[in-house]
Amino acid sequence: MFKLAYMVVTMRPVKSELVSKVTELTSQFPKAHGGPVHIGDPAAIGITDITKPDWGDPVPINPGEIMIFHACGVSAQEAIINNNIPFAITHAPGQMFITDTPI
């Protein structure tokens, strides 16, 4: 039986007037990261310090920007680690796997 793992999210700050457009555009790609899983306060999804990510580098947030969170492919690595899987091919934060399979 597999153990559960946390969802890893990618955060990008977006100017407040563009939040709905970003949501609309990214939602068109459900086989990629898809639409946001959360918009706004990171504490609402269990993130206690946005300046200290568990994976990758912190992202600066400027005045007038809203944080948008998308599901991240690094979630698979969290599951692999939690289940002691001995071998897997995946990606690192900021380093995506490229394939010829259309999405």
N, C-alpha and C. Protein backbone atom coordinates (compact mmCIF):
# COMPACT_ATOMS: atom_id res chain seq x y z
N MET A 1 0.84 -1.17 0.00
CA MET A 1 0.00 0.00 0.00
C MET A 1 0.89 1.24 0.00
N PHE A 2 0.56 2.19 -0.83
CA PHE A 2 1.34 3.42 -0.91
C PHE A 2 0.94 4.39 0.19
N LYS A 3 1.93 5.17 0.64
CA LYS A 3 1.69 6.23 1.61
C LYS A 3 1.25 7.48 0.86
N LEU A 4 0.48 8.30 1.51
CA LEU A 4 0.08 9.58 0.92
C LEU A 4 1.26 10.55 0.89
N ALA A 5 1.19 11.52 0.01
CA ALA A 5 2.22 12.55 -0.08
C ALA A 5 1.53 13.90 -0.24
N TYR A 6 2.23 14.94 0.14
CA TYR A 6 1.70 16.29 -0.01
C TYR A 6 1.76 16.74 -1.46
N MET A 7 0.81 17.58 -1.86
CA MET A 7 0.88 18.21 -3.18
C MET A 7 1.89 19.34 -3.09
N VAL A 8 2.81 19.36 -4.04
CA VAL A 8 3.76 20.45 -4.14
C VAL A 8 3.14 21.47 -5.10
N VAL A 9 3.22 22.74 -4.76
CA VAL A 9 2.65 23.78 -5.61
C VAL A 9 3.75 24.72 -6.11
N THR A 10 3.48 25.30 -7.26
CA THR A 10 4.31 26.35 -7.82
C THR A 10 3.57 27.66 -7.60
N MET A 11 4.28 28.66 -7.08
CA MET A 11 3.64 29.96 -6.85
C MET A 11 4.22 30.98 -7.82
N ARG A 12 3.33 31.72 -8.42
CA ARG A 12 3.74 32.86 -9.25
C ARG A 12 2.91 34.05 -8.85
N PRO A 13 3.57 35.18 -8.55
CA PRO A 13 2.81 36.39 -8.26
C PRO A 13 2.35 37.03 -9.57
N VAL A 14 1.12 37.49 -9.58
CA VAL A 14 0.52 38.07 -10.78
C VAL A 14 -0.13 39.39 -10.39
N LYS A 15 -0.02 40.38 -11.26
CA LYS A 15 -0.71 41.65 -11.00
C LYS A 15 -2.19 41.37 -10.81
N SER A 16 -2.78 42.02 -9.82
CA SER A 16 -4.16 41.72 -9.46
C SER A 16 -5.13 41.80 -10.63
N GLU A 17 -4.91 42.74 -11.54
CA GLU A 17 -5.83 42.87 -12.68
C GLU A 17 -5.69 41.74 -13.71
N LEU A 18 -4.66 40.90 -13.59
CA LEU A 18 -4.45 39.80 -14.53
C LEU A 18 -4.81 38.43 -13.97
N VAL A 19 -5.24 38.35 -12.72
CA VAL A 19 -5.53 37.06 -12.09
C VAL A 19 -6.58 36.27 -12.86
N SER A 20 -7.67 36.90 -13.25
CA SER A 20 -8.72 36.16 -13.96
C SER A 20 -8.24 35.69 -15.32
N LYS A 21 -7.43 36.48 -16.01
CA LYS A 21 -6.89 36.08 -17.32
C LYS A 21 -5.93 34.90 -17.17
N VAL A 22 -5.06 34.95 -16.17
CA VAL A 22 -4.13 33.85 -15.93
C VAL A 22 -4.91 32.57 -15.61
N THR A 23 -5.94 32.70 -14.79
CA THR A 23 -6.77 31.54 -14.45
C THR A 23 -7.44 30.97 -15.69
N GLU A 24 -8.00 31.83 -16.51
CA GLU A 24 -8.67 31.41 -17.74
C GLU A 24 -7.68 30.70 -18.68
N LEU A 25 -6.52 31.28 -18.87
CA LEU A 25 -5.55 30.70 -19.81
C LEU A 25 -4.98 29.38 -19.31
N THR A 26 -4.55 29.33 -18.06
CA THR A 26 -3.92 28.11 -17.56
C THR A 26 -4.92 26.96 -17.42
N SER A 27 -6.18 27.28 -17.19
CA SER A 27 -7.20 26.24 -17.07
C SER A 27 -7.42 25.49 -18.38
N GLN A 28 -6.96 26.04 -19.48
CA GLN A 28 -7.09 25.37 -20.78
C GLN A 28 -6.09 24.23 -20.96
N PHE A 29 -5.19 24.04 -19.99
CA PHE A 29 -4.13 23.04 -20.13
C PHE A 29 -4.12 22.08 -18.93
N PRO A 30 -5.20 21.29 -18.80
CA PRO A 30 -5.30 20.39 -17.64
C PRO A 30 -4.25 19.27 -17.64
N LYS A 31 -3.67 18.96 -18.79
CA LYS A 31 -2.65 17.92 -18.83
C LYS A 31 -1.26 18.47 -18.51
N ALA A 32 -1.16 19.79 -18.39
CA ALA A 32 0.08 20.41 -17.92
C ALA A 32 -0.17 20.76 -16.45
N HIS A 33 0.11 21.97 -16.02
CA HIS A 33 -0.15 22.33 -14.62
C HIS A 33 -1.60 22.71 -14.41
N GLY A 34 -2.32 23.04 -15.48
CA GLY A 34 -3.73 23.37 -15.36
C GLY A 34 -3.99 24.68 -14.65
N GLY A 35 -5.24 24.87 -14.28
CA GLY A 35 -5.63 26.08 -13.58
C GLY A 35 -5.13 26.09 -12.15
N PRO A 36 -5.23 27.22 -11.49
CA PRO A 36 -4.76 27.33 -10.11
C PRO A 36 -5.49 26.38 -9.17
N VAL A 37 -4.75 25.88 -8.18
CA VAL A 37 -5.36 25.10 -7.10
C VAL A 37 -5.69 26.02 -5.93
N HIS A 38 -5.09 27.22 -5.94
CA HIS A 38 -5.36 28.21 -4.89
C HIS A 38 -4.90 29.58 -5.36
N ILE A 39 -5.63 30.60 -4.94
CA ILE A 39 -5.26 31.99 -5.22
C ILE A 39 -5.34 32.75 -3.91
N GLY A 40 -4.25 33.45 -3.58
CA GLY A 40 -4.27 34.30 -2.38
C GLY A 40 -3.40 33.82 -1.25
N ASP A 41 -3.93 33.89 -0.05
CA ASP A 41 -3.19 33.65 1.20
C ASP A 41 -2.58 32.25 1.24
N PRO A 42 -1.25 32.15 1.28
CA PRO A 42 -0.60 30.84 1.32
C PRO A 42 -0.90 30.05 2.60
N ALA A 43 -1.19 30.75 3.69
CA ALA A 43 -1.51 30.06 4.95
C ALA A 43 -2.75 29.18 4.81
N ALA A 44 -3.66 29.56 3.92
CA ALA A 44 -4.89 28.79 3.72
C ALA A 44 -4.63 27.40 3.17
N ILE A 45 -3.45 27.19 2.56
CA ILE A 45 -3.09 25.86 2.05
C ILE A 45 -1.90 25.27 2.80
N GLY A 46 -1.63 25.81 3.99
CA GLY A 46 -0.62 25.22 4.85
C GLY A 46 0.79 25.73 4.69
N ILE A 47 0.98 26.79 3.92
CA ILE A 47 2.32 27.36 3.73
C ILE A 47 2.53 28.42 4.80
N THR A 48 3.48 28.17 5.71
CA THR A 48 3.69 29.09 6.83
C THR A 48 4.66 30.21 6.53
N ASP A 49 5.62 29.99 5.62
CA ASP A 49 6.59 31.03 5.29
C ASP A 49 6.88 30.98 3.79
N ILE A 50 6.26 31.86 3.03
CA ILE A 50 6.39 31.87 1.57
C ILE A 50 7.82 32.17 1.12
N THR A 51 8.64 32.73 2.00
CA THR A 51 10.02 33.05 1.65
C THR A 51 10.97 31.87 1.82
N LYS A 52 10.46 30.74 2.33
CA LYS A 52 11.30 29.56 2.55
C LYS A 52 10.63 28.32 1.95
N PRO A 53 10.66 28.18 0.61
CA PRO A 53 10.01 27.03 -0.02
C PRO A 53 10.74 25.72 0.29
N ASP A 54 9.99 24.64 0.33
CA ASP A 54 10.57 23.31 0.52
C ASP A 54 11.34 22.86 -0.71
N TRP A 55 10.90 23.31 -1.87
CA TRP A 55 11.52 22.94 -3.15
C TRP A 55 11.79 24.24 -3.93
N GLY A 56 12.90 24.32 -4.62
CA GLY A 56 13.18 25.47 -5.48
C GLY A 56 13.56 26.72 -4.70
N ASP A 57 13.54 27.83 -5.39
CA ASP A 57 13.97 29.11 -4.84
C ASP A 57 12.78 30.01 -4.53
N PRO A 58 12.91 30.89 -3.55
CA PRO A 58 11.81 31.83 -3.26
C PRO A 58 11.61 32.81 -4.43
N VAL A 59 10.38 33.24 -4.59
CA VAL A 59 10.01 34.17 -5.65
C VAL A 59 9.63 35.50 -5.02
N PRO A 60 10.20 36.61 -5.50
CA PRO A 60 9.83 37.91 -4.93
C PRO A 60 8.38 38.27 -5.27
N ILE A 61 7.72 38.92 -4.33
CA ILE A 61 6.33 39.34 -4.52
C ILE A 61 6.30 40.85 -4.38
N ASN A 62 5.86 41.52 -5.44
CA ASN A 62 5.82 42.99 -5.46
C ASN A 62 4.46 43.51 -5.04
N PRO A 63 4.40 44.75 -4.58
CA PRO A 63 3.11 45.35 -4.22
C PRO A 63 2.13 45.27 -5.40
N GLY A 64 0.89 44.97 -5.09
CA GLY A 64 -0.14 44.88 -6.12
C GLY A 64 -0.21 43.52 -6.80
N GLU A 65 0.60 42.57 -6.37
CA GLU A 65 0.57 41.23 -6.95
C GLU A 65 -0.17 40.26 -6.03
N ILE A 66 -0.85 39.31 -6.64
CA ILE A 66 -1.59 38.27 -5.93
C ILE A 66 -0.86 36.95 -6.19
N MET A 67 -0.73 36.14 -5.16
CA MET A 67 -0.07 34.84 -5.32
C MET A 67 -1.04 33.83 -5.92
N ILE A 68 -0.60 33.18 -6.98
CA ILE A 68 -1.37 32.13 -7.63
C ILE A 68 -0.58 30.83 -7.53
N PHE A 69 -1.25 29.78 -7.08
CA PHE A 69 -0.60 28.49 -6.86
C PHE A 69 -1.15 27.44 -7.83
N HIS A 70 -0.24 26.74 -8.51
CA HIS A 70 -0.61 25.66 -9.41
C HIS A 70 0.00 24.35 -8.90
N ALA A 71 -0.64 23.25 -9.18
CA ALA A 71 -0.06 21.95 -8.85
C ALA A 71 1.26 21.82 -9.61
N CYS A 72 2.23 21.19 -8.99
CA CYS A 72 3.56 21.08 -9.58
C CYS A 72 3.94 19.62 -9.78
N GLY A 73 4.64 19.34 -10.86
CA GLY A 73 5.11 17.99 -11.15
C GLY A 73 6.07 17.46 -10.11
N VAL A 74 6.63 18.32 -9.28
CA VAL A 74 7.52 17.87 -8.21
C VAL A 74 6.73 17.07 -7.16
N SER A 75 5.40 17.15 -7.21
CA SER A 75 4.57 16.34 -6.30
C SER A 75 4.92 14.86 -6.43
N ALA A 76 5.26 14.44 -7.64
CA ALA A 76 5.64 13.03 -7.86
C ALA A 76 6.88 12.68 -7.05
N GLN A 77 7.83 13.60 -6.96
CA GLN A 77 9.04 13.34 -6.19
C GLN A 77 8.71 13.18 -4.71
N GLU A 78 7.77 13.96 -4.23
CA GLU A 78 7.33 13.83 -2.83
C GLU A 78 6.76 12.43 -2.60
N ALA A 79 5.96 11.95 -3.53
CA ALA A 79 5.38 10.61 -3.41
C ALA A 79 6.47 9.54 -3.50
N ILE A 80 7.43 9.72 -4.38
CA ILE A 80 8.53 8.76 -4.52
C ILE A 80 9.33 8.68 -3.23
N ILE A 81 9.66 9.83 -2.66
CA ILE A 81 10.42 9.87 -1.40
C ILE A 81 9.63 9.22 -0.27
N ASN A 82 8.35 9.54 -0.15
CA ASN A 82 7.52 9.00 0.94
C ASN A 82 7.29 7.50 0.83
N ASN A 83 7.49 6.94 -0.36
CA ASN A 83 7.22 5.52 -0.56
C ASN A 83 8.48 4.70 -0.81
N ASN A 84 9.65 5.32 -0.62
CA ASN A 84 10.93 4.62 -0.75
C ASN A 84 11.06 3.86 -2.07
N ILE A 85 10.61 4.47 -3.14
CA ILE A 85 10.71 3.85 -4.46
C ILE A 85 12.18 3.94 -4.89
N PRO A 86 12.80 2.81 -5.26
CA PRO A 86 14.25 2.80 -5.50
C PRO A 86 14.72 3.48 -6.78
N PHE A 87 13.83 3.63 -7.78
CA PHE A 87 14.26 4.23 -9.04
C PHE A 87 13.08 4.91 -9.70
N ALA A 88 13.30 6.12 -10.19
CA ALA A 88 12.26 6.85 -10.90
C ALA A 88 12.91 7.89 -11.81
N ILE A 89 12.26 8.18 -12.91
CA ILE A 89 12.72 9.24 -13.80
C ILE A 89 11.69 10.37 -13.70
N THR A 90 12.15 11.53 -13.30
CA THR A 90 11.25 12.66 -13.09
C THR A 90 12.00 13.95 -13.42
N HIS A 91 11.68 15.03 -12.79
CA HIS A 91 12.36 16.30 -13.05
C HIS A 91 12.66 17.03 -11.74
N ALA A 92 13.47 18.04 -11.85
CA ALA A 92 13.80 18.88 -10.71
C ALA A 92 13.09 20.22 -10.87
N PRO A 93 12.92 20.97 -9.79
CA PRO A 93 12.27 22.28 -9.92
C PRO A 93 12.97 23.13 -10.98
N GLY A 94 12.19 23.63 -11.91
CA GLY A 94 12.74 24.46 -12.98
C GLY A 94 13.36 23.67 -14.12
N GLN A 95 13.37 22.36 -14.04
CA GLN A 95 13.97 21.50 -15.08
C GLN A 95 12.90 20.52 -15.53
N MET A 96 12.27 20.80 -16.65
CA MET A 96 11.15 19.98 -17.09
C MET A 96 11.60 18.87 -18.05
N PHE A 97 10.86 17.79 -18.03
CA PHE A 97 11.06 16.67 -18.94
C PHE A 97 10.32 16.99 -20.23
N ILE A 98 10.99 16.82 -21.36
CA ILE A 98 10.37 17.13 -22.65
C ILE A 98 10.14 15.83 -23.42
N THR A 99 8.96 15.70 -24.00
CA THR A 99 8.62 14.51 -24.76
C THR A 99 7.90 14.90 -26.03
N ASP A 100 7.76 13.95 -26.94
CA ASP A 100 7.04 14.23 -28.18
C ASP A 100 5.56 13.86 -28.07
N THR A 101 5.10 13.53 -26.89
CA THR A 101 3.70 13.20 -26.67
C THR A 101 2.89 14.49 -26.58
N PRO A 102 1.94 14.69 -27.49
CA PRO A 102 1.14 15.92 -27.42
C PRO A 102 0.22 15.91 -26.21
N ILE A 103 -0.02 17.11 -25.67
CA ILE A 103 -0.92 17.20 -24.51
C ILE A 103 -2.29 17.69 -24.91
